[in-house]
Amino acid sequence: MGVAWLVLWAGVGAAQQEPAAHRLYEKANALFVAKELPECQAALDEALRLDPKLVPALTLQAKLAMAVKRNDLARQSLKRALAVEPDSWYARFLSGFLYHLENDLQLALPELERARKLNPRDPRSALYLGLTQESLGRTAEAVALYQEAIKLEQAAGKAQADTLLAYARLLLLLGRLEECGRLIERALKLEPDFRDAHYERARLLLKQGNPAGAAREGEQALRLPGAITEAQIRYLLVRAYQASGQEKLAAEQAAALRAAEKP
């Protein structure tokens, strides 16, 4: 990208500003990773003041906006980034990811497809393209994309439990329980204390006719961190305890669920 910068910023003064803007972006990125969001925004503001067309800073600004639920600002930043670099795979990916978050699947699809063509070795585009295809009811396409995402992560030495679980959920829906179970076990091997993986194991056990095992996994999931909500777990526990004939425990979970739903 250094040559492109030299073309973009003509003159000695601009050449001196350019590294400063990039250093501020690097600082902002480190602050984002550290979850120091106000400080991140301040560094980004200064970086973009020096270089309004710094695409990494614009994509980071989009991520920051998404982190604070300002999707409108994220979209503005991504439009600016893509106006500068239409073939930035990461800006395309984030654009598709944002459309996916907003459940605008028809717009997510072409952005994610383009991101994947621009950088076929990155698993994130394959994963979210798979999630989008699944949401559109295109099961065969989703299966192939999940498999590709898992393969790419393994090749990079960066296997992710979330990717394995995305595929496992689809296999559970399709009734391919043995394959689903293998993926869940792989996810738990990667992250033994991951709430989502224990929750998916509980769902699988319930489907396999083992409500007692499902209840044990659900109770464990309640004690762990993850994206699955407490309400989802308690609803599963109600079903598991009812199926195992433990009506008292089912009633306790139902009461806790109702209490959690109160404003």
Protein backbone atom coordinates (compact mmCIF):
# COMPACT_ATOMS: atom_id res chain seq x y z
CA MET A 1 0.00 0.00 0.00
CA GLY A 2 3.04 2.28 0.34
CA VAL A 3 3.16 3.07 -3.39
CA ALA A 4 -0.52 3.97 -3.42
CA TRP A 5 0.06 6.36 -0.54
CA LEU A 6 2.87 8.09 -2.46
CA VAL A 7 0.52 8.58 -5.39
CA LEU A 8 -2.32 9.77 -3.21
CA TRP A 9 -0.33 12.18 -1.05
CA ALA A 10 1.77 14.47 -3.24
CA GLY A 11 4.23 16.86 -1.65
CA VAL A 12 6.50 16.81 1.38
CA GLY A 13 3.87 17.92 3.90
CA ALA A 14 1.45 15.17 2.89
CA ALA A 15 4.20 12.58 2.97
CA GLN A 16 4.94 13.61 6.56
CA GLN A 17 1.26 13.40 7.53
CA GLU A 18 0.74 9.94 6.07
CA PRO A 19 2.87 7.92 8.54
CA ALA A 20 1.41 9.92 11.42
CA ALA A 21 -2.13 9.00 10.33
CA HIS A 22 -1.18 5.34 10.09
CA ARG A 23 0.46 5.39 13.53
CA LEU A 24 -2.72 6.87 14.96
CA TYR A 25 -4.72 4.13 13.26
CA GLU A 26 -2.45 1.48 14.81
CA LYS A 27 -2.95 3.11 18.20
CA ALA A 28 -6.73 3.17 17.66
CA ASN A 29 -6.71 -0.49 16.68
CA ALA A 30 -4.84 -1.47 19.84
CA LEU A 31 -7.32 0.56 21.91
CA PHE A 32 -10.23 -1.20 20.15
CA VAL A 33 -8.77 -4.60 21.00
CA ALA A 34 -8.38 -3.41 24.61
CA LYS A 35 -12.04 -2.28 24.53
CA GLU A 36 -11.08 1.29 25.36
CA LEU A 37 -13.67 2.64 22.96
CA PRO A 38 -13.74 6.41 23.72
CA GLU A 39 -9.94 6.54 23.44
CA CYS A 40 -10.14 4.50 20.23
CA GLN A 41 -12.60 7.00 18.75
CA ALA A 42 -10.36 9.94 19.64
CA ALA A 43 -7.36 8.36 17.92
CA LEU A 44 -9.47 7.52 14.88
CA ASP A 45 -10.80 11.06 14.64
CA GLU A 46 -7.26 12.39 14.53
CA ALA A 47 -6.10 9.76 12.03
CA LEU A 48 -8.96 10.56 9.68
CA ARG A 49 -8.37 14.28 10.09
CA LEU A 50 -4.86 13.74 8.76
CA ASP A 51 -5.94 11.24 6.10
CA PRO A 52 -9.71 11.14 5.38
CA LYS A 53 -9.16 8.32 2.86
CA LEU A 54 -7.25 5.94 5.13
CA VAL A 55 -9.26 2.77 4.49
CA PRO A 56 -8.05 0.76 7.52
CA ALA A 57 -9.12 3.65 9.76
CA LEU A 58 -12.51 3.84 8.02
CA THR A 59 -13.12 0.10 8.45
CA LEU A 60 -12.06 0.29 12.09
CA GLN A 61 -14.45 3.22 12.54
CA ALA A 62 -17.22 1.02 11.10
CA LYS A 63 -16.37 -1.76 13.56
CA LEU A 64 -16.39 0.72 16.43
CA ALA A 65 -19.78 2.06 15.34
CA MET A 66 -21.18 -1.48 15.19
CA ALA A 67 -19.80 -2.17 18.66
CA VAL A 68 -21.86 0.71 20.07
CA LYS A 69 -24.97 -0.18 18.00
CA ARG A 70 -24.62 2.72 15.56
CA ASN A 71 -25.12 0.83 12.33
CA ASP A 72 -25.97 4.05 10.49
CA LEU A 73 -22.51 5.45 11.23
CA ALA A 74 -20.91 2.11 10.35
CA ARG A 75 -22.60 2.16 6.94
CA GLN A 76 -21.36 5.70 6.28
CA SER A 77 -17.78 4.71 7.09
CA LEU A 78 -17.96 1.65 4.87
CA LYS A 79 -19.35 3.66 1.96
CA ARG A 80 -16.42 6.05 2.31
CA ALA A 81 -13.95 3.15 2.44
CA LEU A 82 -15.43 1.47 -0.64
CA ALA A 83 -15.46 4.76 -2.54
CA VAL A 84 -11.68 4.86 -2.03
CA GLU A 85 -11.01 1.13 -2.52
CA PRO A 86 -13.90 -0.71 -4.22
CA ASP A 87 -11.84 -3.93 -4.13
CA SER A 88 -11.01 -3.81 -0.43
CA TRP A 89 -12.06 -7.32 0.57
CA TYR A 90 -12.31 -6.38 4.24
CA ALA A 91 -14.55 -3.38 3.61
CA ARG A 92 -16.72 -5.62 1.41
CA PHE A 93 -16.82 -8.26 4.13
CA LEU A 94 -17.81 -5.75 6.80
CA SER A 95 -20.48 -4.34 4.49
CA GLY A 96 -21.94 -7.82 3.98
CA PHE A 97 -21.59 -8.60 7.68
CA LEU A 98 -23.51 -5.44 8.57
CA TYR A 99 -26.29 -6.27 6.12
CA HIS A 100 -26.40 -9.76 7.66
CA LEU A 101 -26.73 -8.28 11.16
CA GLU A 102 -29.59 -6.14 9.90
CA ASN A 103 -31.20 -9.23 8.33
CA ASP A 104 -31.03 -7.65 4.88
CA LEU A 105 -29.94 -10.92 3.33
CA GLN A 106 -30.42 -10.02 -0.31
CA LEU A 107 -27.94 -7.16 0.09
CA ALA A 108 -25.58 -9.20 2.30
CA LEU A 109 -25.25 -11.95 -0.28
CA PRO A 110 -23.46 -10.07 -3.12
CA GLU A 111 -21.17 -8.22 -0.72
CA LEU A 112 -20.04 -11.42 0.97
CA GLU A 113 -19.67 -13.19 -2.36
CA ARG A 114 -17.46 -10.39 -3.63
CA ALA A 115 -15.40 -10.37 -0.44
CA ARG A 116 -14.85 -14.09 -0.82
CA LYS A 117 -13.70 -13.69 -4.43
CA LEU A 118 -11.34 -10.89 -3.46
CA ASN A 119 -9.81 -12.95 -0.64
CA PRO A 120 -10.76 -16.63 -0.97
CA ARG A 121 -8.38 -17.69 1.81
CA ASP A 122 -10.13 -15.81 4.61
CA PRO A 123 -12.68 -18.00 6.42
CA ARG A 124 -14.89 -15.17 7.67
CA SER A 125 -16.45 -14.48 4.29
CA ALA A 126 -17.19 -18.18 3.81
CA LEU A 127 -18.73 -18.44 7.28
CA TYR A 128 -21.07 -15.45 6.95
CA LEU A 129 -21.91 -16.33 3.39
CA GLY A 130 -22.90 -19.75 4.74
CA LEU A 131 -25.03 -18.18 7.47
CA THR A 132 -26.72 -15.98 4.87
CA GLN A 133 -27.37 -18.89 2.53
CA GLU A 134 -28.82 -20.91 5.39
CA SER A 135 -31.12 -18.03 6.33
CA LEU A 136 -32.28 -17.95 2.70
CA GLY A 137 -33.11 -21.66 2.89
CA ARG A 138 -30.22 -22.77 0.66
CA THR A 139 -29.06 -25.69 2.77
CA ALA A 140 -26.67 -27.38 0.34
CA GLU A 141 -24.82 -24.11 -0.30
CA ALA A 142 -24.62 -23.41 3.43
CA VAL A 143 -23.17 -26.87 4.16
CA ALA A 144 -20.44 -26.41 1.55
CA LEU A 145 -19.55 -22.96 2.85
CA TYR A 146 -19.39 -24.07 6.49
CA GLN A 147 -17.11 -26.91 5.49
CA GLU A 148 -14.92 -24.47 3.55
CA ALA A 149 -14.75 -22.04 6.49
CA ILE A 150 -13.69 -24.83 8.85
CA LYS A 151 -11.08 -26.04 6.35
CA LEU A 152 -9.64 -22.53 5.94
CA GLU A 153 -9.45 -22.00 9.70
CA GLN A 154 -7.65 -25.29 10.17
CA ALA A 155 -5.20 -24.47 7.38
CA ALA A 156 -4.40 -21.18 9.10
CA GLY A 157 -4.06 -22.88 12.50
CA LYS A 158 -6.93 -20.78 13.85
CA ALA A 159 -9.86 -23.15 14.36
CA GLN A 160 -12.85 -21.39 15.93
CA ALA A 161 -15.49 -22.99 18.13
CA ASP A 162 -18.14 -20.58 16.81
CA THR A 163 -17.61 -21.80 13.24
CA LEU A 164 -17.91 -25.44 14.27
CA LEU A 165 -21.11 -24.65 16.17
CA ALA A 166 -22.66 -22.79 13.22
CA TYR A 167 -22.30 -25.93 11.14
CA ALA A 168 -23.40 -28.15 14.05
CA ARG A 169 -26.66 -26.21 14.41
CA LEU A 170 -27.51 -26.78 10.77
CA LEU A 171 -26.70 -30.49 11.04
CA LEU A 172 -28.96 -30.75 14.10
CA LEU A 173 -31.75 -29.15 12.10
CA LEU A 174 -31.13 -31.63 9.29
CA GLY A 175 -31.18 -34.60 11.68
CA ARG A 176 -27.54 -35.49 11.03
CA LEU A 177 -26.97 -36.07 14.71
CA GLU A 178 -23.71 -38.03 14.69
CA GLU A 179 -21.95 -35.42 12.56
CA CYS A 180 -23.44 -32.69 14.73
CA GLY A 181 -22.09 -34.36 17.86
CA ARG A 182 -18.59 -34.65 16.46
CA LEU A 183 -18.51 -30.94 15.68
CA ILE A 184 -19.76 -30.02 19.15
CA GLU A 185 -17.06 -32.18 20.76
CA ARG A 186 -14.42 -30.48 18.62
CA ALA A 187 -15.76 -27.09 19.74
CA LEU A 188 -15.61 -28.16 23.39
CA LYS A 189 -12.07 -29.40 22.94
CA LEU A 190 -11.13 -25.93 21.69
CA GLU A 191 -13.11 -24.10 24.41
CA PRO A 192 -14.12 -26.39 27.30
CA ASP A 193 -15.81 -23.56 29.22
CA PHE A 194 -17.82 -22.11 26.32
CA ARG A 195 -21.50 -21.67 27.22
CA ASP A 196 -22.69 -21.95 23.61
CA ALA A 197 -21.00 -25.32 23.08
CA HIS A 198 -22.52 -26.81 26.24
CA TYR A 199 -25.92 -25.44 25.22
CA GLU A 200 -25.63 -27.07 21.79
CA ARG A 201 -24.60 -30.34 23.42
CA ALA A 202 -27.70 -30.08 25.62
CA ARG A 203 -29.91 -29.53 22.57
CA LEU A 204 -28.35 -32.56 20.87
CA LEU A 205 -28.82 -34.77 23.94
CA LEU A 206 -32.46 -33.73 24.19
CA LYS A 207 -32.94 -34.59 20.52
CA GLN A 208 -31.27 -37.97 21.12
CA GLY A 209 -33.72 -38.80 23.92
CA ASN A 210 -31.36 -38.13 26.83
CA PRO A 211 -33.14 -35.41 28.83
CA ALA A 212 -31.12 -36.05 31.99
CA GLY A 213 -27.89 -35.45 30.09
CA ALA A 214 -29.41 -32.40 28.45
CA ALA A 215 -30.31 -30.99 31.87
CA ARG A 216 -26.77 -31.49 33.15
CA GLU A 217 -25.33 -29.67 30.15
CA GLY A 218 -27.89 -26.90 30.44
CA GLU A 219 -27.08 -26.34 34.10
CA GLN A 220 -23.40 -26.17 33.24
CA ALA A 221 -24.09 -23.71 30.43
CA LEU A 222 -25.83 -21.39 32.90
CA ARG A 223 -22.61 -21.05 34.88
CA LEU A 224 -20.43 -20.16 31.87
CA PRO A 225 -19.93 -17.12 29.61
CA GLY A 226 -21.16 -17.03 26.04
CA ALA A 227 -23.59 -15.50 23.56
CA ILE A 228 -26.52 -17.83 24.30
CA THR A 229 -28.94 -16.06 26.60
CA GLU A 230 -30.01 -17.23 30.03
CA ALA A 231 -33.60 -17.34 28.78
CA GLN A 232 -32.67 -19.77 25.99
CA ILE A 233 -30.94 -22.07 28.45
CA ARG A 234 -33.76 -21.98 31.01
CA TYR A 235 -36.32 -22.71 28.31
CA LEU A 236 -34.28 -25.78 27.32
CA LEU A 237 -34.02 -26.81 30.96
CA VAL A 238 -37.80 -26.63 31.37
CA ARG A 239 -38.17 -29.04 28.46
CA ALA A 240 -35.39 -31.32 29.69
CA TYR A 241 -36.76 -31.57 33.22
CA GLN A 242 -40.29 -32.13 31.97
CA ALA A 243 -39.08 -34.88 29.64
CA SER A 244 -37.25 -36.59 32.52
CA GLY A 245 -40.28 -36.36 34.82
CA GLN A 246 -38.76 -33.81 37.18
CA GLU A 247 -41.73 -31.47 37.30
CA LYS A 248 -40.53 -29.56 40.37
CA LEU A 249 -37.25 -28.63 38.73
CA ALA A 250 -39.10 -27.77 35.52
CA ALA A 251 -41.39 -25.45 37.48
CA GLU A 252 -38.40 -23.78 39.15
CA GLN A 253 -36.82 -23.08 35.77
CA ALA A 254 -40.12 -21.80 34.39
CA ALA A 255 -40.45 -19.42 37.35
CA ALA A 256 -36.87 -18.18 36.87
CA LEU A 257 -37.61 -17.68 33.18
CA ARG A 258 -40.71 -15.60 33.94
CA ALA A 259 -38.82 -13.53 36.51
CA ALA A 260 -36.06 -12.80 34.01
CA GLU A 261 -38.59 -11.64 31.41
CA LYS A 262 -40.16 -9.04 33.70
CA PRO A 263 -39.17 -5.42 32.92
